[in-house]
Every structure is written in C-alpha cells, then in structure tokens.
Amino acid sequence: MVIHRNEMKTEVRERMREGDGNTKLTYLLDGSTQKNARMFAELVLDPGCSIGYHQHDSETEYYFILSGTGEVDDNGKPVQVKAGDSVITADGESHSIKNTGQEPLVLYAVIVTY
C-alpha cells in the first residue's frame, strides 16, 4: 500500500489535551486499518503552543522530534528536546509537550496499542 501526501488527512485541533494554542496533525497512515497502530502522524506546534499533560493506558506513544525545540513533561520531570530526540511514554505513564523555541516544533507521533 502507498499513501501519497495529498491523500493524507490533515486537521487542526485547538487546545489539544487542554494545551495552549493549536496543533496541526497530518495522519501519515489510517490507524483504523493498521493492527496495533492507533496513530502515526506528523504534528506541528507553533511557538508557545502545547499538547496538555495526559496519561497513556494500554498503549505506548513515541515522539521523534524532526525540527524545532521544546520541553516535555516526562512523568512530572521537565526535559528539553530538540531535533533528533525521541520521547517514549509507556503504558501507565504521562507526558505533555510544548514548543519553547522561535520556530515550529515538528515531530512524528506513533501510538501503539496492546
């Protein structure tokens, strides 16, 4: 199967997970057709925008930072992230992410279910 970029669904979510500003999501695959992959998307957070703190149950979320800089709240611990970094939030863990830089923070997010 091949999914061309112009066929991918894009949406903007306001205050995602009670965060600040907007999050632009481009779904790189349709999670409804892929076993154990609830989401695989490119996320864009403009400066000052964030995804609010939330917990993952019966799933793991992976972030891979493509460009920009930000801060992840990793189970209550603030951690600076930049291009090339990965963030893993396992079953029962919590996180949030905020763009703390001057450029868009662009990342891939993958959620794998059990």
PDB file of N, CA and C in Angstrom:
ATOM      1  N   MET A   1       0.849  -1.174   0.000  1.00  0.00           N
ATOM      2  CA  MET A   1       0.000   0.000   0.000  1.00  0.00           C
ATOM      3  C   MET A   1       0.894   1.237   0.000  1.00  0.00           C
ATOM      4  N   VAL A   2       0.500   2.225  -0.767  1.00  0.00           N
ATOM      5  CA  VAL A   2       1.176   3.512  -0.808  1.00  0.00           C
ATOM      6  C   VAL A   2       0.136   4.586  -0.532  1.00  0.00           C
ATOM      7  N   ILE A   3       0.463   5.488   0.368  1.00  0.00           N
ATOM      8  CA  ILE A   3      -0.415   6.621   0.666  1.00  0.00           C
ATOM      9  C   ILE A   3       0.361   7.878   0.286  1.00  0.00           C
ATOM     10  N   HIS A   4      -0.127   8.613  -0.685  1.00  0.00           N
ATOM     11  CA  HIS A   4       0.536   9.845  -1.118  1.00  0.00           C
ATOM     12  C   HIS A   4       0.179  10.992  -0.174  1.00  0.00           C
ATOM     13  N   ARG A   5       1.111  11.922  -0.015  1.00  0.00           N
ATOM     14  CA  ARG A   5       0.926  13.032   0.930  1.00  0.00           C
ATOM     15  C   ARG A   5      -0.401  13.754   0.695  1.00  0.00           C
ATOM     16  N   ASN A   6      -0.771  13.971  -0.567  1.00  0.00           N
ATOM     17  CA  ASN A   6      -2.017  14.706  -0.841  1.00  0.00           C
ATOM     18  C   ASN A   6      -3.268  13.902  -0.494  1.00  0.00           C
ATOM     19  N   GLU A   7      -3.106  12.612  -0.145  1.00  0.00           N
ATOM     20  CA  GLU A   7      -4.231  11.769   0.264  1.00  0.00           C
ATOM     21  C   GLU A   7      -4.370  11.692   1.789  1.00  0.00           C
ATOM     22  N   MET A   8      -3.409  12.248   2.496  1.00  0.00           N
ATOM     23  CA  MET A   8      -3.404  12.162   3.957  1.00  0.00           C
ATOM     24  C   MET A   8      -4.323  13.220   4.563  1.00  0.00           C
ATOM     25  N   LYS A   9      -5.073  12.816   5.578  1.00  0.00           N
ATOM     26  CA  LYS A   9      -5.981  13.723   6.276  1.00  0.00           C
ATOM     27  C   LYS A   9      -5.173  14.665   7.162  1.00  0.00           C
ATOM     28  N   THR A  10      -5.524  15.934   7.126  1.00  0.00           N
ATOM     29  CA  THR A  10      -4.901  16.950   7.980  1.00  0.00           C
ATOM     30  C   THR A  10      -5.999  17.657   8.760  1.00  0.00           C
ATOM     31  N   GLU A  11      -5.726  17.918  10.027  1.00  0.00           N
ATOM     32  CA  GLU A  11      -6.681  18.663  10.846  1.00  0.00           C
ATOM     33  C   GLU A  11      -5.921  19.552  11.829  1.00  0.00           C
ATOM     34  N   VAL A  12      -6.598  20.560  12.334  1.00  0.00           N
ATOM     35  CA  VAL A  12      -6.050  21.435  13.366  1.00  0.00           C
ATOM     36  C   VAL A  12      -6.922  21.265  14.603  1.00  0.00           C
ATOM     37  N   ARG A  13      -6.281  20.923  15.716  1.00  0.00           N
ATOM     38  CA  ARG A  13      -7.005  20.777  16.984  1.00  0.00           C
ATOM     39  C   ARG A  13      -6.650  21.949  17.890  1.00  0.00           C
ATOM     40  N   GLU A  14      -7.677  22.618  18.383  1.00  0.00           N
ATOM     41  CA  GLU A  14      -7.488  23.704  19.339  1.00  0.00           C
ATOM     42  C   GLU A  14      -7.306  23.128  20.732  1.00  0.00           C
ATOM     43  N   ARG A  15      -6.322  23.644  21.451  1.00  0.00           N
ATOM     44  CA  ARG A  15      -6.082  23.273  22.846  1.00  0.00           C
ATOM     45  C   ARG A  15      -6.071  21.745  23.039  1.00  0.00           C
ATOM     46  N   MET A  16      -5.261  21.059  22.232  1.00  0.00           N
ATOM     47  CA  MET A  16      -5.206  19.587  22.283  1.00  0.00           C
ATOM     48  C   MET A  16      -4.839  19.117  23.678  1.00  0.00           C
ATOM     49  N   ARG A  17      -5.666  18.249  24.221  1.00  0.00           N
ATOM     50  CA  ARG A  17      -5.480  17.721  25.590  1.00  0.00           C
ATOM     51  C   ARG A  17      -5.346  18.867  26.602  1.00  0.00           C
ATOM     52  N   GLU A  18      -6.096  19.946  26.387  1.00  0.00           N
ATOM     53  CA  GLU A  18      -6.110  21.131  27.267  1.00  0.00           C
ATOM     54  C   GLU A  18      -4.800  21.908  27.228  1.00  0.00           C
ATOM     55  N   GLY A  19      -4.043  21.748  26.137  1.00  0.00           N
ATOM     56  CA  GLY A  19      -2.809  22.513  25.954  1.00  0.00           C
ATOM     57  C   GLY A  19      -3.109  23.923  25.464  1.00  0.00           C
ATOM     58  N   ASP A  20      -2.058  24.639  25.082  1.00  0.00           N
ATOM     59  CA  ASP A  20      -2.181  26.015  24.604  1.00  0.00           C
ATOM     60  C   ASP A  20      -2.123  26.066  23.079  1.00  0.00           C
ATOM     61  N   GLY A  21      -2.933  26.918  22.475  1.00  0.00           N
ATOM     62  CA  GLY A  21      -2.882  27.133  21.033  1.00  0.00           C
ATOM     63  C   GLY A  21      -3.393  25.949  20.242  1.00  0.00           C
ATOM     64  N   ASN A  22      -2.871  25.834  19.026  1.00  0.00           N
ATOM     65  CA  ASN A  22      -3.330  24.817  18.086  1.00  0.00           C
ATOM     66  C   ASN A  22      -2.240  23.798  17.786  1.00  0.00           C
ATOM     67  N   THR A  23      -2.675  22.592  17.440  1.00  0.00           N
ATOM     68  CA  THR A  23      -1.790  21.523  16.974  1.00  0.00           C
ATOM     69  C   THR A  23      -2.277  21.107  15.600  1.00  0.00           C
ATOM     70  N   LYS A  24      -1.379  21.138  14.612  1.00  0.00           N
ATOM     71  CA  LYS A  24      -1.710  20.663  13.270  1.00  0.00           C
ATOM     72  C   LYS A  24      -1.274  19.210  13.167  1.00  0.00           C
ATOM     73  N   LEU A  25      -2.199  18.330  12.783  1.00  0.00           N
ATOM     74  CA  LEU A  25      -1.912  16.902  12.634  1.00  0.00           C
ATOM     75  C   LEU A  25      -2.103  16.493  11.179  1.00  0.00           C
ATOM     76  N   THR A  26      -1.126  15.785  10.642  1.00  0.00           N
ATOM     77  CA  THR A  26      -1.256  15.141   9.341  1.00  0.00           C
ATOM     78  C   THR A  26      -1.095  13.653   9.591  1.00  0.00           C
ATOM     79  N   TYR A  27      -2.153  12.891   9.315  1.00  0.00           N
ATOM     80  CA  TYR A  27      -2.149  11.454   9.590  1.00  0.00           C
ATOM     81  C   TYR A  27      -1.398  10.731   8.482  1.00  0.00           C
ATOM     82  N   LEU A  28      -0.240  10.155   8.831  1.00  0.00           N
ATOM     83  CA  LEU A  28       0.617   9.501   7.858  1.00  0.00           C
ATOM     84  C   LEU A  28       0.111   8.122   7.481  1.00  0.00           C
ATOM     85  N   LEU A  29      -0.754   7.550   8.306  1.00  0.00           N
ATOM     86  CA  LEU A  29      -1.466   6.324   7.953  1.00  0.00           C
ATOM     87  C   LEU A  29      -2.805   6.348   8.648  1.00  0.00           C
ATOM     88  N   ASP A  30      -3.701   5.560   8.129  1.00  0.00           N
ATOM     89  CA  ASP A  30      -5.040   5.455   8.703  1.00  0.00           C
ATOM     90  C   ASP A  30      -4.998   4.391   9.789  1.00  0.00           C
ATOM     91  N   GLY A  31      -5.013   4.800  11.038  1.00  0.00           N
ATOM     92  CA  GLY A  31      -4.907   3.876  12.161  1.00  0.00           C
ATOM     93  C   GLY A  31      -5.999   2.829  12.209  1.00  0.00           C
ATOM     94  N   SER A  32      -7.132   3.102  11.573  1.00  0.00           N
ATOM     95  CA  SER A  32      -8.221   2.140  11.614  1.00  0.00           C
ATOM     96  C   SER A  32      -7.926   0.896  10.772  1.00  0.00           C
ATOM     97  N   THR A  33      -6.945   0.988   9.874  1.00  0.00           N
ATOM     98  CA  THR A  33      -6.626  -0.155   9.013  1.00  0.00           C
ATOM     99  C   THR A  33      -5.351  -0.875   9.433  1.00  0.00           C
ATOM    100  N   GLN A  34      -4.664  -0.378  10.456  1.00  0.00           N
ATOM    101  CA  GLN A  34      -3.385  -0.950  10.860  1.00  0.00           C
ATOM    102  C   GLN A  34      -3.490  -1.547  12.259  1.00  0.00           C
ATOM    103  N   LYS A  35      -3.275  -2.847  12.367  1.00  0.00           N
ATOM    104  CA  LYS A  35      -3.351  -3.522  13.654  1.00  0.00           C
ATOM    105  C   LYS A  35      -2.295  -2.950  14.607  1.00  0.00           C
ATOM    106  N   ASN A  36      -2.702  -2.620  15.819  1.00  0.00           N
ATOM    107  CA  ASN A  36      -1.839  -2.157  16.906  1.00  0.00           C
ATOM    108  C   ASN A  36      -1.206  -0.785  16.668  1.00  0.00           C
ATOM    109  N   ALA A  37      -1.611  -0.094  15.630  1.00  0.00           N
ATOM    110  CA  ALA A  37      -1.098   1.263  15.402  1.00  0.00           C
ATOM    111  C   ALA A  37      -2.287   2.207  15.428  1.00  0.00           C
ATOM    112  N   ARG A  38      -2.545   2.796  16.607  1.00  0.00           N
ATOM    113  CA  ARG A  38      -3.708   3.678  16.730  1.00  0.00           C
ATOM    114  C   ARG A  38      -3.482   4.994  15.998  1.00  0.00           C
ATOM    115  N   MET A  39      -2.206   5.456  15.969  1.00  0.00           N
ATOM    116  CA  MET A  39      -1.920   6.718  15.300  1.00  0.00           C
ATOM    117  C   MET A  39      -0.477   6.745  14.823  1.00  0.00           C
ATOM    118  N   PHE A  40      -0.280   7.299  13.643  1.00  0.00           N
ATOM    119  CA  PHE A  40       1.042   7.645  13.132  1.00  0.00           C
ATOM    120  C   PHE A  40       0.832   8.961  12.419  1.00  0.00           C
ATOM    121  N   ALA A  41       1.324  10.060  13.014  1.00  0.00           N
ATOM    122  CA  ALA A  41       1.028  11.384  12.482  1.00  0.00           C
ATOM    123  C   ALA A  41       2.214  12.317  12.629  1.00  0.00           C
ATOM    124  N   GLU A  42       2.230  13.316  11.752  1.00  0.00           N
ATOM    125  CA  GLU A  42       3.170  14.432  11.888  1.00  0.00           C
ATOM    126  C   GLU A  42       2.422  15.535  12.619  1.00  0.00           C
ATOM    127  N   LEU A  43       3.021  16.048  13.682  1.00  0.00           N
ATOM    128  CA  LEU A  43       2.412  17.116  14.468  1.00  0.00           C
ATOM    129  C   LEU A  43       3.261  18.368  14.340  1.00  0.00           C
ATOM    130  N   VAL A  44       2.604  19.512  14.234  1.00  0.00           N
ATOM    131  CA  VAL A  44       3.289  20.796  14.172  1.00  0.00           C
ATOM    132  C   VAL A  44       2.708  21.688  15.259  1.00  0.00           C
ATOM    133  N   LEU A  45       3.605  22.171  16.128  1.00  0.00           N
ATOM    134  CA  LEU A  45       3.244  23.115  17.191  1.00  0.00           C
ATOM    135  C   LEU A  45       3.974  24.422  16.925  1.00  0.00           C
ATOM    136  N   ASP A  46       3.231  25.496  16.746  1.00  0.00           N
ATOM    137  CA  ASP A  46       3.861  26.803  16.582  1.00  0.00           C
ATOM    138  C   ASP A  46       4.435  27.273  17.918  1.00  0.00           C
ATOM    139  N   PRO A  47       5.314  28.285  17.901  1.00  0.00           N
ATOM    140  CA  PRO A  47       5.899  28.780  19.159  1.00  0.00           C
ATOM    141  C   PRO A  47       4.825  29.073  20.210  1.00  0.00           C
ATOM    142  N   GLY A  48       5.058  28.572  21.427  1.00  0.00           N
ATOM    143  CA  GLY A  48       4.139  28.784  22.543  1.00  0.00           C
ATOM    144  C   GLY A  48       3.002  27.788  22.621  1.00  0.00           C
ATOM    145  N   CYS A  49       2.795  26.992  21.591  1.00  0.00           N
ATOM    146  CA  CYS A  49       1.702  26.014  21.589  1.00  0.00           C
ATOM    147  C   CYS A  49       2.136  24.727  22.290  1.00  0.00           C
ATOM    148  N   SER A  50       1.155  23.989  22.801  1.00  0.00           N
ATOM    149  CA  SER A  50       1.468  22.769  23.551  1.00  0.00           C
ATOM    150  C   SER A  50       0.344  21.750  23.434  1.00  0.00           C
ATOM    151  N   ILE A  51       0.696  20.511  23.783  1.00  0.00           N
ATOM    152  CA  ILE A  51      -0.270  19.436  23.989  1.00  0.00           C
ATOM    153  C   ILE A  51      -0.271  19.193  25.488  1.00  0.00           C
ATOM    154  N   GLY A  52      -1.437  19.233  26.108  1.00  0.00           N
ATOM    155  CA  GLY A  52      -1.539  19.146  27.559  1.00  0.00           C
ATOM    156  C   GLY A  52      -1.128  17.794  28.136  1.00  0.00           C
ATOM    157  N   TYR A  53      -0.890  17.799  29.427  1.00  0.00           N
ATOM    158  CA  TYR A  53      -0.444  16.624  30.174  1.00  0.00           C
ATOM    159  C   TYR A  53      -1.536  15.566  30.167  1.00  0.00           C
ATOM    160  N   HIS A  54      -1.162  14.328  29.807  1.00  0.00           N
ATOM    161  CA  HIS A  54      -2.127  13.225  29.746  1.00  0.00           C
ATOM    162  C   HIS A  54      -1.427  11.892  29.943  1.00  0.00           C
ATOM    163  N   GLN A  55      -2.218  10.887  30.308  1.00  0.00           N
ATOM    164  CA  GLN A  55      -1.706   9.549  30.602  1.00  0.00           C
ATOM    165  C   GLN A  55      -2.073   8.591  29.464  1.00  0.00           C
ATOM    166  N   HIS A  56      -1.211   7.594  29.269  1.00  0.00           N
ATOM    167  CA  HIS A  56      -1.481   6.545  28.285  1.00  0.00           C
ATOM    168  C   HIS A  56      -1.759   5.234  29.006  1.00  0.00           C
ATOM    169  N   ASP A  57      -2.863   4.592  28.632  1.00  0.00           N
ATOM    170  CA  ASP A  57      -3.265   3.313  29.216  1.00  0.00           C
ATOM    171  C   ASP A  57      -3.377   2.274  28.109  1.00  0.00           C
ATOM    172  N   SER A  58      -2.747   1.120  28.308  1.00  0.00           N
ATOM    173  CA  SER A  58      -2.757   0.011  27.347  1.00  0.00           C
ATOM    174  C   SER A  58      -2.202   0.420  25.987  1.00  0.00           C
ATOM    175  N   GLU A  59      -1.251   1.350  25.998  1.00  0.00           N
ATOM    176  CA  GLU A  59      -0.605   1.793  24.771  1.00  0.00           C
ATOM    177  C   GLU A  59       0.700   2.516  25.122  1.00  0.00           C
ATOM    178  N   THR A  60       1.550   2.669  24.118  1.00  0.00           N
ATOM    179  CA  THR A  60       2.785   3.431  24.261  1.00  0.00           C
ATOM    180  C   THR A  60       2.818   4.467  23.147  1.00  0.00           C
ATOM    181  N   GLU A  61       3.221   5.692  23.490  1.00  0.00           N
ATOM    182  CA  GLU A  61       3.360   6.736  22.478  1.00  0.00           C
ATOM    183  C   GLU A  61       4.832   7.077  22.317  1.00  0.00           C
ATOM    184  N   TYR A  62       5.231   7.204  21.061  1.00  0.00           N
ATOM    185  CA  TYR A  62       6.598   7.570  20.702  1.00  0.00           C
ATOM    186  C   TYR A  62       6.562   8.905  19.971  1.00  0.00           C
ATOM    187  N   TYR A  63       7.433   9.832  20.354  1.00  0.00           N
ATOM    188  CA  TYR A  63       7.650  11.066  19.607  1.00  0.00           C
ATOM    189  C   TYR A  63       9.048  10.991  19.018  1.00  0.00           C
ATOM    190  N   PHE A  64       9.200  11.455  17.787  1.00  0.00           N
ATOM    191  CA  PHE A  64      10.515  11.676  17.207  1.00  0.00           C
ATOM    192  C   PHE A  64      10.528  13.113  16.735  1.00  0.00           C
ATOM    193  N   ILE A  65      11.425  13.920  17.311  1.00  0.00           N
ATOM    194  CA  ILE A  65      11.485  15.353  17.015  1.00  0.00           C
ATOM    195  C   ILE A  65      12.225  15.565  15.698  1.00  0.00           C
ATOM    196  N   LEU A  66      11.531  16.161  14.721  1.00  0.00           N
ATOM    197  CA  LEU A  66      12.116  16.408  13.402  1.00  0.00           C
ATOM    198  C   LEU A  66      12.802  17.756  13.323  1.00  0.00           C
ATOM    199  N   SER A  67      12.191  18.787  13.911  1.00  0.00           N
ATOM    200  CA  SER A  67      12.797  20.120  13.904  1.00  0.00           C
ATOM    201  C   SER A  67      12.191  20.954  15.019  1.00  0.00           C
ATOM    202  N   GLY A  68      12.939  21.979  15.426  1.00  0.00           N
ATOM    203  CA  GLY A  68      12.498  22.860  16.487  1.00  0.00           C
ATOM    204  C   GLY A  68      12.995  22.412  17.852  1.00  0.00           C
ATOM    205  N   THR A  69      12.553  23.143  18.871  1.00  0.00           N
ATOM    206  CA  THR A  69      12.925  22.842  20.253  1.00  0.00           C
ATOM    207  C   THR A  69      11.693  22.922  21.129  1.00  0.00           C
ATOM    208  N   GLY A  70      11.734  22.163  22.224  1.00  0.00           N
ATOM    209  CA  GLY A  70      10.592  22.167  23.119  1.00  0.00           C
ATOM    210  C   GLY A  70      10.933  21.614  24.474  1.00  0.00           C
ATOM    211  N   GLU A  71       9.888  21.491  25.287  1.00  0.00           N
ATOM    212  CA  GLU A  71      10.025  20.907  26.613  1.00  0.00           C
ATOM    213  C   GLU A  71       8.936  19.852  26.787  1.00  0.00           C
ATOM    214  N   VAL A  72       9.362  18.667  27.204  1.00  0.00           N
ATOM    215  CA  VAL A  72       8.451  17.573  27.512  1.00  0.00           C
ATOM    216  C   VAL A  72       8.341  17.449  29.021  1.00  0.00           C
ATOM    217  N   ASP A  73       7.124  17.321  29.516  1.00  0.00           N
ATOM    218  CA  ASP A  73       6.913  16.951  30.913  1.00  0.00           C
ATOM    219  C   ASP A  73       6.826  15.430  30.900  1.00  0.00           C
ATOM    220  N   ASP A  74       7.897  14.781  31.326  1.00  0.00           N
ATOM    221  CA  ASP A  74       8.031  13.325  31.304  1.00  0.00           C
ATOM    222  C   ASP A  74       7.746  12.796  32.697  1.00  0.00           C
ATOM    223  N   ASN A  75       6.463  12.478  32.961  1.00  0.00           N
ATOM    224  CA  ASN A  75       6.048  11.982  34.277  1.00  0.00           C
ATOM    225  C   ASN A  75       6.431  12.937  35.397  1.00  0.00           C
ATOM    226  N   GLY A  76       6.213  14.232  35.166  1.00  0.00           N
ATOM    227  CA  GLY A  76       6.486  15.239  36.184  1.00  0.00           C
ATOM    228  C   GLY A  76       7.874  15.834  36.128  1.00  0.00           C
ATOM    229  N   LYS A  77       8.708  15.384  35.210  1.00  0.00           N
ATOM    230  CA  LYS A  77      10.078  15.890  35.087  1.00  0.00           C
ATOM    231  C   LYS A  77      10.216  16.665  33.775  1.00  0.00           C
ATOM    232  N   PRO A  78      10.541  17.969  33.842  1.00  0.00           N
ATOM    233  CA  PRO A  78      10.718  18.735  32.603  1.00  0.00           C
ATOM    234  C   PRO A  78      12.037  18.361  31.915  1.00  0.00           C
ATOM    235  N   VAL A  79      11.945  18.087  30.591  1.00  0.00           N
ATOM    236  CA  VAL A  79      13.118  17.692  29.816  1.00  0.00           C
ATOM    237  C   VAL A  79      13.109  18.480  28.506  1.00  0.00           C
ATOM    238  N   GLN A  80      14.230  19.133  28.185  1.00  0.00           N
ATOM    239  CA  GLN A  80      14.366  19.861  26.924  1.00  0.00           C
ATOM    240  C   GLN A  80      14.570  18.865  25.784  1.00  0.00           C
ATOM    241  N   VAL A  81      13.912  19.118  24.631  1.00  0.00           N
ATOM    242  CA  VAL A  81      14.057  18.255  23.463  1.00  0.00           C
ATOM    243  C   VAL A  81      14.356  19.104  22.233  1.00  0.00           C
ATOM    244  N   LYS A  82      15.036  18.458  21.262  1.00  0.00           N
ATOM    245  CA  LYS A  82      15.397  19.136  20.014  1.00  0.00           C
ATOM    246  C   LYS A  82      15.407  18.109  18.890  1.00  0.00           C
ATOM    247  N   ALA A  83      15.649  18.566  17.667  1.00  0.00           N
ATOM    248  CA  ALA A  83      15.670  17.691  16.500  1.00  0.00           C
ATOM    249  C   ALA A  83      16.584  16.493  16.742  1.00  0.00           C
ATOM    250  N   GLY A  84      16.074  15.314  16.395  1.00  0.00           N
ATOM    251  CA  GLY A  84      16.827  14.076  16.555  1.00  0.00           C
ATOM    252  C   GLY A  84      16.521  13.325  17.829  1.00  0.00           C
ATOM    253  N   ASP A  85      15.814  13.952  18.782  1.00  0.00           N
ATOM    254  CA  ASP A  85      15.483  13.299  20.055  1.00  0.00           C
ATOM    255  C   ASP A  85      14.221  12.448  19.925  1.00  0.00           C
ATOM    256  N   SER A  86      14.160  11.390  20.727  1.00  0.00           N
ATOM    257  CA  SER A  86      12.967  10.544  20.826  1.00  0.00           C
ATOM    258  C   SER A  86      12.415  10.619  22.238  1.00  0.00           C
ATOM    259  N   VAL A  87      11.105  10.513  22.358  1.00  0.00           N
ATOM    260  CA  VAL A  87      10.417  10.502  23.645  1.00  0.00           C
ATOM    261  C   VAL A  87       9.539   9.255  23.663  1.00  0.00           C
ATOM    262  N   ILE A  88       9.625   8.486  24.733  1.00  0.00           N
ATOM    263  CA  ILE A  88       8.825   7.261  24.859  1.00  0.00           C
ATOM    264  C   ILE A  88       7.965   7.390  26.107  1.00  0.00           C
ATOM    265  N   THR A  89       6.656   7.270  25.939  1.00  0.00           N
ATOM    266  CA  THR A  89       5.709   7.315  27.049  1.00  0.00           C
ATOM    267  C   THR A  89       4.971   5.979  27.071  1.00  0.00           C
ATOM    268  N   ALA A  90       5.359   5.112  28.009  1.00  0.00           N
ATOM    269  CA  ALA A  90       4.864   3.741  28.074  1.00  0.00           C
ATOM    270  C   ALA A  90       3.515   3.657  28.792  1.00  0.00           C
ATOM    271  N   ASP A  91       2.950   2.474  28.788  1.00  0.00           N
ATOM    272  CA  ASP A  91       1.692   2.176  29.452  1.00  0.00           C
ATOM    273  C   ASP A  91       1.711   2.663  30.903  1.00  0.00           C
ATOM    274  N   GLY A  92       0.719   3.473  31.263  1.00  0.00           N
ATOM    275  CA  GLY A  92       0.607   3.991  32.625  1.00  0.00           C
ATOM    276  C   GLY A  92       1.395   5.257  32.875  1.00  0.00           C
ATOM    277  N   GLU A  93       2.208   5.696  31.915  1.00  0.00           N
ATOM    278  CA  GLU A  93       2.995   6.921  32.085  1.00  0.00           C
ATOM    279  C   GLU A  93       2.253   8.118  31.496  1.00  0.00           C
ATOM    280  N   SER A  94       2.757   9.326  31.854  1.00  0.00           N
ATOM    281  CA  SER A  94       2.110  10.562  31.412  1.00  0.00           C
ATOM    282  C   SER A  94       3.141  11.518  30.830  1.00  0.00           C
ATOM    283  N   HIS A  95       2.648  12.426  29.980  1.00  0.00           N
ATOM    284  CA  HIS A  95       3.540  13.421  29.372  1.00  0.00           C
ATOM    285  C   HIS A  95       2.747  14.587  28.798  1.00  0.00           C
ATOM    286  N   SER A  96       3.489  15.640  28.461  1.00  0.00           N
ATOM    287  CA  SER A  96       2.986  16.763  27.677  1.00  0.00           C
ATOM    288  C   SER A  96       4.180  17.284  26.883  1.00  0.00           C
ATOM    289  N   ILE A  97       3.911  18.155  25.914  1.00  0.00           N
ATOM    290  CA  ILE A  97       4.999  18.749  25.138  1.00  0.00           C
ATOM    291  C   ILE A  97       4.619  20.177  24.780  1.00  0.00           C
ATOM    292  N   LYS A  98       5.617  21.068  24.802  1.00  0.00           N
ATOM    293  CA  LYS A  98       5.409  22.480  24.488  1.00  0.00           C
ATOM    294  C   LYS A  98       6.536  22.978  23.609  1.00  0.00           C
ATOM    295  N   ASN A  99       6.181  23.788  22.622  1.00  0.00           N
ATOM    296  CA  ASN A  99       7.185  24.443  21.798  1.00  0.00           C
ATOM    297  C   ASN A  99       7.725  25.636  22.578  1.00  0.00           C
ATOM    298  N   THR A 100       9.006  25.587  22.938  1.00  0.00           N
ATOM    299  CA  THR A 100       9.643  26.672  23.697  1.00  0.00           C
ATOM    300  C   THR A 100      10.566  27.505  22.810  1.00  0.00           C
ATOM    301  N   GLY A 101      10.624  27.172  21.520  1.00  0.00           N
ATOM    302  CA  GLY A 101      11.522  27.874  20.607  1.00  0.00           C
ATOM    303  C   GLY A 101      10.822  28.953  19.801  1.00  0.00           C
ATOM    304  N   GLN A 102      11.541  29.456  18.805  1.00  0.00           N
ATOM    305  CA  GLN A 102      11.042  30.524  17.932  1.00  0.00           C
ATOM    306  C   GLN A 102      10.543  30.002  16.586  1.00  0.00           C
ATOM    307  N   GLU A 103      10.793  28.726  16.310  1.00  0.00           N
ATOM    308  CA  GLU A 103      10.385  28.081  15.062  1.00  0.00           C
ATOM    309  C   GLU A 103       9.335  27.017  15.371  1.00  0.00           C
ATOM    310  N   PRO A 104       8.580  26.565  14.361  1.00  0.00           N
ATOM    311  CA  PRO A 104       7.636  25.464  14.610  1.00  0.00           C
ATOM    312  C   PRO A 104       8.363  24.229  15.146  1.00  0.00           C
ATOM    313  N   LEU A 105       7.723  23.541  16.076  1.00  0.00           N
ATOM    314  CA  LEU A 105       8.202  22.258  16.587  1.00  0.00           C
ATOM    315  C   LEU A 105       7.472  21.184  15.783  1.00  0.00           C
ATOM    316  N   VAL A 106       8.232  20.385  15.031  1.00  0.00           N
ATOM    317  CA  VAL A 106       7.651  19.369  14.157  1.00  0.00           C
ATOM    318  C   VAL A 106       8.114  18.007  14.656  1.00  0.00           C
ATOM    319  N   LEU A 107       7.159  17.084  14.826  1.00  0.00           N
ATOM    320  CA  LEU A 107       7.502  15.760  15.326  1.00  0.00           C
ATOM    321  C   LEU A 107       6.590  14.713  14.720  1.00  0.00           C
ATOM    322  N   TYR A 108       7.063  13.479  14.715  1.00  0.00           N
ATOM    323  CA  TYR A 108       6.223  12.335  14.396  1.00  0.00           C
ATOM    324  C   TYR A 108       5.740  11.771  15.715  1.00  0.00           C
ATOM    325  N   ALA A 109       4.473  11.365  15.763  1.00  0.00           N
ATOM    326  CA  ALA A 109       3.895  10.713  16.934  1.00  0.00           C
ATOM    327  C   ALA A 109       3.308   9.381  16.476  1.00  0.00           C
ATOM    328  N   VAL A 110       3.692   8.325  17.194  1.00  0.00           N
ATOM    329  CA  VAL A 110       3.202   6.980  16.909  1.00  0.00           C
ATOM    330  C   VAL A 110       2.620   6.415  18.197  1.00  0.00           C
ATOM    331  N   ILE A 111       1.382   5.924  18.141  1.00  0.00           N
ATOM    332  CA  ILE A 111       0.765   5.291  19.300  1.00  0.00           C
ATOM    333  C   ILE A 111       0.519   3.832  18.945  1.00  0.00           C
ATOM    334  N   VAL A 112       1.122   2.943  19.752  1.00  0.00           N
ATOM    335  CA  VAL A 112       0.999   1.511  19.572  1.00  0.00           C
ATOM    336  C   VAL A 112       0.158   0.958  20.709  1.00  0.00           C
ATOM    337  N   THR A 113      -0.881   0.209  20.369  1.00  0.00           N
ATOM    338  CA  THR A 113      -1.768  -0.365  21.382  1.00  0.00           C
ATOM    339  C   THR A 113      -1.375  -1.805  21.656  1.00  0.00           C
ATOM    340  N   TYR A 114      -1.825  -2.324  22.814  1.00  0.00           N
ATOM    341  CA  TYR A 114      -1.510  -3.710  23.192  1.00  0.00           C
ATOM    342  C   TYR A 114      -2.731  -4.583  23.011  1.00  0.00           C
TER     343      TYR A 114
END
